[in-house]
């Protein structure tokens, strides 16, 4: 479903987060359903836990949507070194242009909790994914 050629990536402390988006549906009432995908890779030498996320979407009409919740669809995954976790969902919007940004809350082996920024990307009809750092 997602075009891996347009995958955006960030890496912090040997934890890599890749993101992609795709327009799933557009209708005559100017409603848009965007799909988004994240792959979190533990490239460190210690186990990590994915505690949750703090994601935001802001559209060009000034509307803002947030997901600041524990876990991922009811899971709090543990990743051993070399393991990955994939997550996808959808976001229905009433605008053709929006920006997706935020972070993942991760607990390292030493119980240190970090907010690791996810790649920021546009959800824009007719445009490729663009990193907005």
C-alpha atoms as a PDB file:
ATOM      1  CA  UNK A   1       0.000   0.000   0.000  1.00  0.00           C
ATOM      2  CA  UNK A   2       2.732   2.499   0.899  1.00  0.00           C
ATOM      3  CA  UNK A   3       5.392   3.652  -1.551  1.00  0.00           C
ATOM      4  CA  UNK A   4       8.711   2.801   0.083  1.00  0.00           C
ATOM      5  CA  UNK A   5      10.479   5.172  -2.354  1.00  0.00           C
ATOM      6  CA  UNK A   6       8.864   8.037  -0.437  1.00  0.00           C
ATOM      7  CA  UNK A   7       9.836   6.699   2.995  1.00  0.00           C
ATOM      8  CA  UNK A   8      11.175   9.386   5.339  1.00  0.00           C
ATOM      9  CA  UNK A   9      13.575   8.402   8.121  1.00  0.00           C
ATOM     10  CA  UNK A  10      14.991   9.752  11.379  1.00  0.00           C
ATOM     11  CA  UNK A  11      17.491   8.046  13.675  1.00  0.00           C
ATOM     12  CA  UNK A  12      18.348   8.753  17.315  1.00  0.00           C
ATOM     13  CA  UNK A  13      20.490   6.546  19.579  1.00  0.00           C
ATOM     14  CA  UNK A  14      20.378   3.649  17.085  1.00  0.00           C
ATOM     15  CA  UNK A  15      16.571   3.721  16.935  1.00  0.00           C
ATOM     16  CA  UNK A  16      15.310   4.360  13.423  1.00  0.00           C
ATOM     17  CA  UNK A  17      11.791   5.566  12.672  1.00  0.00           C
ATOM     18  CA  UNK A  18      10.647   5.481   9.045  1.00  0.00           C
ATOM     19  CA  UNK A  19       7.363   6.958   7.863  1.00  0.00           C
ATOM     20  CA  UNK A  20       5.260   6.970   4.719  1.00  0.00           C
ATOM     21  CA  UNK A  21       1.841   8.291   3.780  1.00  0.00           C
ATOM     22  CA  UNK A  22      -0.654   7.629   1.028  1.00  0.00           C
ATOM     23  CA  UNK A  23      -3.940   9.165  -0.051  1.00  0.00           C
ATOM     24  CA  UNK A  24      -6.436   6.311   0.403  1.00  0.00           C
ATOM     25  CA  UNK A  25      -9.653   8.056  -0.601  1.00  0.00           C
ATOM     26  CA  UNK A  26     -10.863  11.392  -1.927  1.00  0.00           C
ATOM     27  CA  UNK A  27     -14.510  12.181  -2.554  1.00  0.00           C
ATOM     28  CA  UNK A  28     -16.593  14.932  -4.142  1.00  0.00           C
ATOM     29  CA  UNK A  29     -17.370  16.455  -0.728  1.00  0.00           C
ATOM     30  CA  UNK A  30     -13.647  17.350  -0.386  1.00  0.00           C
ATOM     31  CA  UNK A  31     -13.012  14.743   2.278  1.00  0.00           C
ATOM     32  CA  UNK A  32      -9.675  12.953   2.239  1.00  0.00           C
ATOM     33  CA  UNK A  33      -8.596   9.772   3.996  1.00  0.00           C
ATOM     34  CA  UNK A  34      -4.850   9.494   4.447  1.00  0.00           C
ATOM     35  CA  UNK A  35      -3.087   6.304   5.387  1.00  0.00           C
ATOM     36  CA  UNK A  36       0.147   6.528   7.321  1.00  0.00           C
ATOM     37  CA  UNK A  37       2.769   3.915   8.143  1.00  0.00           C
ATOM     38  CA  UNK A  38       5.623   3.813  10.646  1.00  0.00           C
ATOM     39  CA  UNK A  39       8.423   1.302  11.044  1.00  0.00           C
ATOM     40  CA  UNK A  40      10.415   1.508  14.286  1.00  0.00           C
ATOM     41  CA  UNK A  41      13.733  -0.355  14.237  1.00  0.00           C
ATOM     42  CA  UNK A  42      15.818  -1.167  17.303  1.00  0.00           C
ATOM     43  CA  UNK A  43      19.387  -1.028  15.989  1.00  0.00           C
ATOM     44  CA  UNK A  44      20.820  -0.694  19.490  1.00  0.00           C
ATOM     45  CA  UNK A  45      22.315  -3.520  21.523  1.00  0.00           C
ATOM     46  CA  UNK A  46      19.634  -3.328  24.254  1.00  0.00           C
ATOM     47  CA  UNK A  47      15.914  -4.100  24.472  1.00  0.00           C
ATOM     48  CA  UNK A  48      13.547  -1.113  24.206  1.00  0.00           C
ATOM     49  CA  UNK A  49       9.831  -0.673  24.939  1.00  0.00           C
ATOM     50  CA  UNK A  50       7.506   1.426  22.763  1.00  0.00           C
ATOM     51  CA  UNK A  51       5.399   3.168  25.403  1.00  0.00           C
ATOM     52  CA  UNK A  52       3.261   5.357  23.168  1.00  0.00           C
ATOM     53  CA  UNK A  53       3.017   8.306  20.839  1.00  0.00           C
ATOM     54  CA  UNK A  54       2.290  11.998  20.693  1.00  0.00           C
ATOM     55  CA  UNK A  55       1.242  12.737  17.104  1.00  0.00           C
ATOM     56  CA  UNK A  56      -0.401  15.803  15.598  1.00  0.00           C
ATOM     57  CA  UNK A  57      -1.982  16.696  12.286  1.00  0.00           C
ATOM     58  CA  UNK A  58      -2.570  20.342  11.421  1.00  0.00           C
ATOM     59  CA  UNK A  59      -4.411  21.201   8.206  1.00  0.00           C
ATOM     60  CA  UNK A  60      -4.385  24.344   6.079  1.00  0.00           C
ATOM     61  CA  UNK A  61      -7.758  25.407   7.515  1.00  0.00           C
ATOM     62  CA  UNK A  62      -6.286  25.665  11.038  1.00  0.00           C
ATOM     63  CA  UNK A  63      -7.792  22.431  12.351  1.00  0.00           C
ATOM     64  CA  UNK A  64      -5.589  20.346  14.620  1.00  0.00           C
ATOM     65  CA  UNK A  65      -5.917  16.675  15.548  1.00  0.00           C
ATOM     66  CA  UNK A  66      -3.842  14.826  18.167  1.00  0.00           C
ATOM     67  CA  UNK A  67      -3.142  11.325  19.413  1.00  0.00           C
ATOM     68  CA  UNK A  68      -1.302  11.372  22.735  1.00  0.00           C
ATOM     69  CA  UNK A  69      -1.885   7.846  23.952  1.00  0.00           C
ATOM     70  CA  UNK A  70      -0.124   4.881  25.467  1.00  0.00           C
ATOM     71  CA  UNK A  71       0.868   1.990  23.271  1.00  0.00           C
ATOM     72  CA  UNK A  72       0.018   1.233  19.669  1.00  0.00           C
ATOM     73  CA  UNK A  73      -3.497  -0.128  19.091  1.00  0.00           C
ATOM     74  CA  UNK A  74      -3.542  -1.576  22.599  1.00  0.00           C
ATOM     75  CA  UNK A  75       0.019  -2.936  22.505  1.00  0.00           C
ATOM     76  CA  UNK A  76       3.163  -1.793  24.286  1.00  0.00           C
ATOM     77  CA  UNK A  77       5.729  -3.661  22.187  1.00  0.00           C
ATOM     78  CA  UNK A  78       9.166  -4.666  23.428  1.00  0.00           C
ATOM     79  CA  UNK A  79      11.836  -4.768  20.744  1.00  0.00           C
ATOM     80  CA  UNK A  80      14.974  -6.824  21.165  1.00  0.00           C
ATOM     81  CA  UNK A  81      18.098  -5.663  19.304  1.00  0.00           C
ATOM     82  CA  UNK A  82      17.515  -5.981  15.554  1.00  0.00           C
ATOM     83  CA  UNK A  83      13.706  -6.234  15.817  1.00  0.00           C
ATOM     84  CA  UNK A  84      11.194  -3.921  14.144  1.00  0.00           C
ATOM     85  CA  UNK A  85       7.638  -2.824  14.870  1.00  0.00           C
ATOM     86  CA  UNK A  86       5.296  -1.703  12.098  1.00  0.00           C
ATOM     87  CA  UNK A  87       2.219   0.450  12.647  1.00  0.00           C
ATOM     88  CA  UNK A  88      -0.324   1.829  10.209  1.00  0.00           C
ATOM     89  CA  UNK A  89      -3.556   3.743  10.536  1.00  0.00           C
ATOM     90  CA  UNK A  90      -5.710   6.292   8.733  1.00  0.00           C
ATOM     91  CA  UNK A  91      -6.614   9.933   9.243  1.00  0.00           C
ATOM     92  CA  UNK A  92      -9.831  11.334   7.715  1.00  0.00           C
ATOM     93  CA  UNK A  93      -9.454  15.049   6.938  1.00  0.00           C
ATOM     94  CA  UNK A  94     -11.654  17.774   5.477  1.00  0.00           C
ATOM     95  CA  UNK A  95      -8.688  19.452   3.835  1.00  0.00           C
ATOM     96  CA  UNK A  96      -6.429  18.588   0.902  1.00  0.00           C
ATOM     97  CA  UNK A  97      -3.321  19.815   2.754  1.00  0.00           C
ATOM     98  CA  UNK A  98      -2.011  18.970   6.210  1.00  0.00           C
ATOM     99  CA  UNK A  99       1.199  18.327   8.131  1.00  0.00           C
ATOM    100  CA  UNK A 100       1.829  15.267  10.323  1.00  0.00           C
ATOM    101  CA  UNK A 101       4.402  15.599  13.143  1.00  0.00           C
ATOM    102  CA  UNK A 102       5.177  14.310  16.613  1.00  0.00           C
ATOM    103  CA  UNK A 103       7.186  11.737  18.531  1.00  0.00           C
ATOM    104  CA  UNK A 104       7.257   8.217  19.952  1.00  0.00           C
ATOM    105  CA  UNK A 105       7.836   7.602  23.656  1.00  0.00           C
ATOM    106  CA  UNK A 106      10.462   4.883  24.101  1.00  0.00           C
ATOM    107  CA  UNK A 107      11.885   3.303  27.256  1.00  0.00           C
ATOM    108  CA  UNK A 108      15.504   2.225  26.972  1.00  0.00           C
ATOM    109  CA  UNK A 109      17.083  -0.682  28.867  1.00  0.00           C
ATOM    110  CA  UNK A 110      18.300   1.645  31.644  1.00  0.00           C
ATOM    111  CA  UNK A 111      14.662   2.776  32.209  1.00  0.00           C
ATOM    112  CA  UNK A 112      15.429   6.129  30.593  1.00  0.00           C
ATOM    113  CA  UNK A 113      12.351   7.422  28.758  1.00  0.00           C
ATOM    114  CA  UNK A 114      12.916   9.322  25.512  1.00  0.00           C
ATOM    115  CA  UNK A 115      10.644  11.125  23.089  1.00  0.00           C
ATOM    116  CA  UNK A 116      12.064  10.360  19.660  1.00  0.00           C
ATOM    117  CA  UNK A 117      10.821  12.641  16.917  1.00  0.00           C
ATOM    118  CA  UNK A 118       9.152  10.979  13.951  1.00  0.00           C
ATOM    119  CA  UNK A 119       9.763  12.322  10.447  1.00  0.00           C
ATOM    120  CA  UNK A 120       7.498  15.295   9.759  1.00  0.00           C
ATOM    121  CA  UNK A 121       5.637  14.972   6.472  1.00  0.00           C
ATOM    122  CA  UNK A 122       2.974  16.640   4.354  1.00  0.00           C
ATOM    123  CA  UNK A 123      -0.344  15.098   3.482  1.00  0.00           C
ATOM    124  CA  UNK A 124      -0.968  17.096   0.349  1.00  0.00           C
ATOM    125  CA  UNK A 125      -3.017  16.034  -2.635  1.00  0.00           C
ATOM    126  CA  UNK A 126      -0.812  15.924  -5.719  1.00  0.00           C
ATOM    127  CA  UNK A 127       2.497  16.402  -3.879  1.00  0.00           C
ATOM    128  CA  UNK A 128       5.185  13.931  -2.884  1.00  0.00           C
ATOM    129  CA  UNK A 129       6.072  13.470   0.781  1.00  0.00           C
ATOM    130  CA  UNK A 130       8.298  16.314   1.898  1.00  0.00           C
ATOM    131  CA  UNK A 131      10.456  16.458   5.032  1.00  0.00           C
ATOM    132  CA  UNK A 132       9.714  19.638   6.974  1.00  0.00           C
ATOM    133  CA  UNK A 133      12.553  19.926   9.509  1.00  0.00           C
END
